[in-house]
């Protein structure tokens, strides 16, 4: 996977049992698993990580990528905003983290100036289309037609390799991943 891109997506924080409580033990464990998967992908040659700038997984992943960059890793963070005023109604703390994420990214892209009904899905689709692999923190049992549900389905339709981290059990499921034999 030399010089490949990874799209990182995940459920909205309100779909997690802990919500926005990042001090919750389960949230901390999930963030650690996310970081380990990002490092594993980096070791496999992924050099660019793309997020759709959502609160929760997108933000957590961007912070992991930035921490790796600060420690000398030569990886890039690309942020694709669903719309320009996305963070307007977020808490001040989330907004500050969001703008820090944007200011430290290697590249910014924006789907639209103004909010539109499927903006988050369109941002997910763009990063998935531009990527070679998808990393998702996602529980398929909670599927209800959300943007995240549709984005995971989109990645699978495109045949992208997908690493799913179950947010509660932390089990990793690999879909469409090449086998060791195919890599040789």
Protein backbone atom coordinates (compact mmCIF):
# COMPACT_ATOMS: atom_id res chain seq x y z
CA UNK A 1 0.00 0.00 0.00
CA UNK A 2 2.80 2.44 -0.73
CA UNK A 3 1.64 6.10 -0.91
CA UNK A 4 -2.00 5.34 -0.43
CA UNK A 5 -4.83 7.42 1.01
CA UNK A 6 -7.22 6.50 3.79
CA UNK A 7 -10.67 7.97 4.36
CA UNK A 8 -11.67 7.96 8.02
CA UNK A 9 -15.34 8.06 8.94
CA UNK A 10 -17.45 7.23 11.95
CA UNK A 11 -20.78 7.39 13.64
CA UNK A 12 -21.97 10.68 15.09
CA UNK A 13 -21.03 10.88 18.79
CA UNK A 14 -24.70 10.76 19.84
CA UNK A 15 -24.86 7.22 18.41
CA UNK A 16 -22.16 6.09 20.86
CA UNK A 17 -23.28 5.01 24.35
CA UNK A 18 -20.99 7.71 25.85
CA UNK A 19 -22.14 10.50 23.52
CA UNK A 20 -19.69 13.41 23.65
CA UNK A 21 -18.10 12.29 26.95
CA UNK A 22 -14.49 11.78 25.86
CA UNK A 23 -13.49 11.07 29.47
CA UNK A 24 -15.57 7.88 29.41
CA UNK A 25 -13.39 4.77 29.62
CA UNK A 26 -15.00 3.17 26.56
CA UNK A 27 -14.47 6.34 24.50
CA UNK A 28 -10.81 6.40 25.51
CA UNK A 29 -10.43 2.75 24.53
CA UNK A 30 -12.09 3.42 21.16
CA UNK A 31 -9.80 6.39 20.49
CA UNK A 32 -6.77 4.23 21.35
CA UNK A 33 -7.94 1.51 18.93
CA UNK A 34 -8.47 4.18 16.25
CA UNK A 35 -4.92 5.44 16.81
CA UNK A 36 -3.52 1.91 16.56
CA UNK A 37 -5.35 1.32 13.27
CA UNK A 38 -4.04 4.60 11.87
CA UNK A 39 -0.49 3.56 12.82
CA UNK A 40 -1.02 0.12 11.28
CA UNK A 41 -2.19 1.71 8.03
CA UNK A 42 0.79 4.06 8.11
CA UNK A 43 3.12 1.06 8.42
CA UNK A 44 1.37 -0.44 5.37
CA UNK A 45 2.25 2.63 3.30
CA UNK A 46 -0.73 4.95 3.77
CA UNK A 47 0.68 8.47 3.59
CA UNK A 48 -2.49 10.57 3.53
CA UNK A 49 -5.48 10.50 5.84
CA UNK A 50 -8.69 12.27 4.88
CA UNK A 51 -11.51 13.29 7.21
CA UNK A 52 -14.87 14.93 6.58
CA UNK A 53 -14.36 17.25 9.55
CA UNK A 54 -17.18 15.82 11.62
CA UNK A 55 -17.34 16.00 15.42
CA UNK A 56 -16.29 12.71 16.94
CA UNK A 57 -14.33 10.24 14.82
CA UNK A 58 -13.22 12.75 12.16
CA UNK A 59 -11.88 15.08 14.82
CA UNK A 60 -10.31 12.27 16.88
CA UNK A 61 -8.57 10.87 13.80
CA UNK A 62 -7.27 14.28 12.74
CA UNK A 63 -5.80 14.80 16.20
CA UNK A 64 -4.07 11.40 16.02
CA UNK A 65 -2.64 12.19 12.57
CA UNK A 66 -1.43 15.58 13.79
CA UNK A 67 0.23 13.98 16.84
CA UNK A 68 2.03 11.51 14.55
CA UNK A 69 3.16 14.38 12.33
CA UNK A 70 4.53 16.23 15.37
CA UNK A 71 6.57 13.11 16.16
CA UNK A 72 8.22 13.18 12.75
CA UNK A 73 5.91 11.03 10.65
CA UNK A 74 5.66 12.12 7.02
CA UNK A 75 1.91 11.84 6.64
CA UNK A 76 -0.65 14.31 5.42
CA UNK A 77 -4.03 15.32 6.80
CA UNK A 78 -6.69 16.39 4.29
CA UNK A 79 -9.91 17.96 5.55
CA UNK A 80 -13.07 18.02 3.44
CA UNK A 81 -15.72 20.29 4.92
CA UNK A 82 -19.39 19.54 4.20
CA UNK A 83 -20.06 23.31 4.23
CA UNK A 84 -18.28 26.44 5.45
CA UNK A 85 -20.34 27.14 8.56
CA UNK A 86 -20.41 23.57 9.82
CA UNK A 87 -19.05 24.36 13.30
CA UNK A 88 -21.22 27.43 13.95
CA UNK A 89 -23.46 25.72 16.51
CA UNK A 90 -20.79 23.53 18.10
CA UNK A 91 -19.57 24.13 21.65
CA UNK A 92 -16.66 26.58 21.98
CA UNK A 93 -14.29 23.73 22.90
CA UNK A 94 -15.26 21.64 19.84
CA UNK A 95 -15.00 24.71 17.59
CA UNK A 96 -11.49 25.41 18.87
CA UNK A 97 -10.40 21.83 18.16
CA UNK A 98 -12.11 21.98 14.75
CA UNK A 99 -10.30 25.16 13.70
CA UNK A 100 -7.00 23.76 14.99
CA UNK A 101 -7.61 20.68 12.83
CA UNK A 102 -8.24 22.88 9.79
CA UNK A 103 -5.19 25.07 10.43
CA UNK A 104 -2.86 22.07 10.67
CA UNK A 105 -4.17 20.19 7.66
CA UNK A 106 -2.09 19.92 4.50
CA UNK A 107 -5.10 20.56 2.31
CA UNK A 108 -8.66 21.85 2.70
CA UNK A 109 -11.63 21.27 0.46
CA UNK A 110 -15.25 22.29 0.85
CA UNK A 111 -18.33 20.66 -0.64
CA UNK A 112 -20.47 23.81 -0.61
CA UNK A 113 -20.54 27.30 0.86
CA UNK A 114 -23.93 26.74 2.46
CA UNK A 115 -25.45 23.80 4.26
CA UNK A 116 -27.37 21.38 2.11
CA UNK A 117 -29.34 18.28 3.16
CA UNK A 118 -26.74 15.65 2.16
CA UNK A 119 -23.61 17.71 2.80
CA UNK A 120 -22.03 15.27 5.27
CA UNK A 121 -22.70 12.31 2.97
CA UNK A 122 -21.23 14.21 0.01
CA UNK A 123 -18.08 14.96 2.05
CA UNK A 124 -17.80 11.28 3.02
CA UNK A 125 -18.29 10.22 -0.59
CA UNK A 126 -15.57 12.59 -1.78
CA UNK A 127 -12.98 11.31 0.68
CA UNK A 128 -13.95 7.70 0.00
CA UNK A 129 -13.69 8.19 -3.76
CA UNK A 130 -10.23 9.77 -3.36
CA UNK A 131 -8.97 7.03 -1.04
CA UNK A 132 -7.66 3.52 -1.45
CA UNK A 133 -8.82 2.26 1.94
CA UNK A 134 -11.50 3.27 4.44
CA UNK A 135 -11.25 3.18 8.23
CA UNK A 136 -14.61 3.43 9.98
CA UNK A 137 -15.69 3.41 13.61
CA UNK A 138 -19.08 1.95 13.01
CA UNK A 139 -21.71 -0.42 14.37
CA UNK A 140 -23.75 -1.85 11.48
CA UNK A 141 -26.45 -2.94 13.95
CA UNK A 142 -27.31 0.73 14.50
CA UNK A 143 -27.89 1.38 10.79
CA UNK A 144 -30.80 3.74 10.27
CA UNK A 145 -29.99 5.36 6.93
CA UNK A 146 -27.64 8.01 8.33
CA UNK A 147 -24.86 9.59 6.27
CA UNK A 148 -22.36 7.24 7.93
CA UNK A 149 -24.46 4.18 7.03
CA UNK A 150 -24.71 5.29 3.44
CA UNK A 151 -20.99 6.14 3.31
CA UNK A 152 -19.94 2.66 4.47
CA UNK A 153 -22.30 1.14 1.88
CA UNK A 154 -20.81 3.46 -0.78
CA UNK A 155 -17.27 2.34 0.10
CA UNK A 156 -18.28 -1.30 -0.24
CA UNK A 157 -20.03 -0.68 -3.58
CA UNK A 158 -16.82 0.93 -4.85
CA UNK A 159 -14.93 -2.14 -3.67
CA UNK A 160 -12.74 -0.19 -1.26
CA UNK A 161 -11.02 -2.18 1.46
CA UNK A 162 -12.74 -1.23 4.72
CA UNK A 163 -11.51 -1.64 8.29
CA UNK A 164 -14.47 -1.45 10.66
CA UNK A 165 -13.85 -0.81 14.35
CA UNK A 166 -16.90 -1.71 16.39
CA UNK A 167 -17.24 1.23 18.83
CA UNK A 168 -18.22 -0.92 21.83
CA UNK A 169 -16.49 -4.28 21.39
CA UNK A 170 -13.50 -2.72 19.56
CA UNK A 171 -13.37 -5.76 17.32
CA UNK A 172 -11.93 -5.04 13.91
CA UNK A 173 -13.64 -6.41 10.85
CA UNK A 174 -11.87 -6.22 7.50
CA UNK A 175 -14.03 -6.09 4.39
CA UNK A 176 -12.73 -6.26 0.80
CA UNK A 177 -9.18 -6.49 2.16
CA UNK A 178 -6.67 -8.30 -0.04
CA UNK A 179 -5.39 -11.54 1.43
CA UNK A 180 -1.69 -12.09 2.10
CA UNK A 181 -1.51 -14.27 -1.02
CA UNK A 182 -2.86 -11.45 -3.19
CA UNK A 183 -0.24 -9.06 -1.79
CA UNK A 184 2.70 -11.27 -2.84
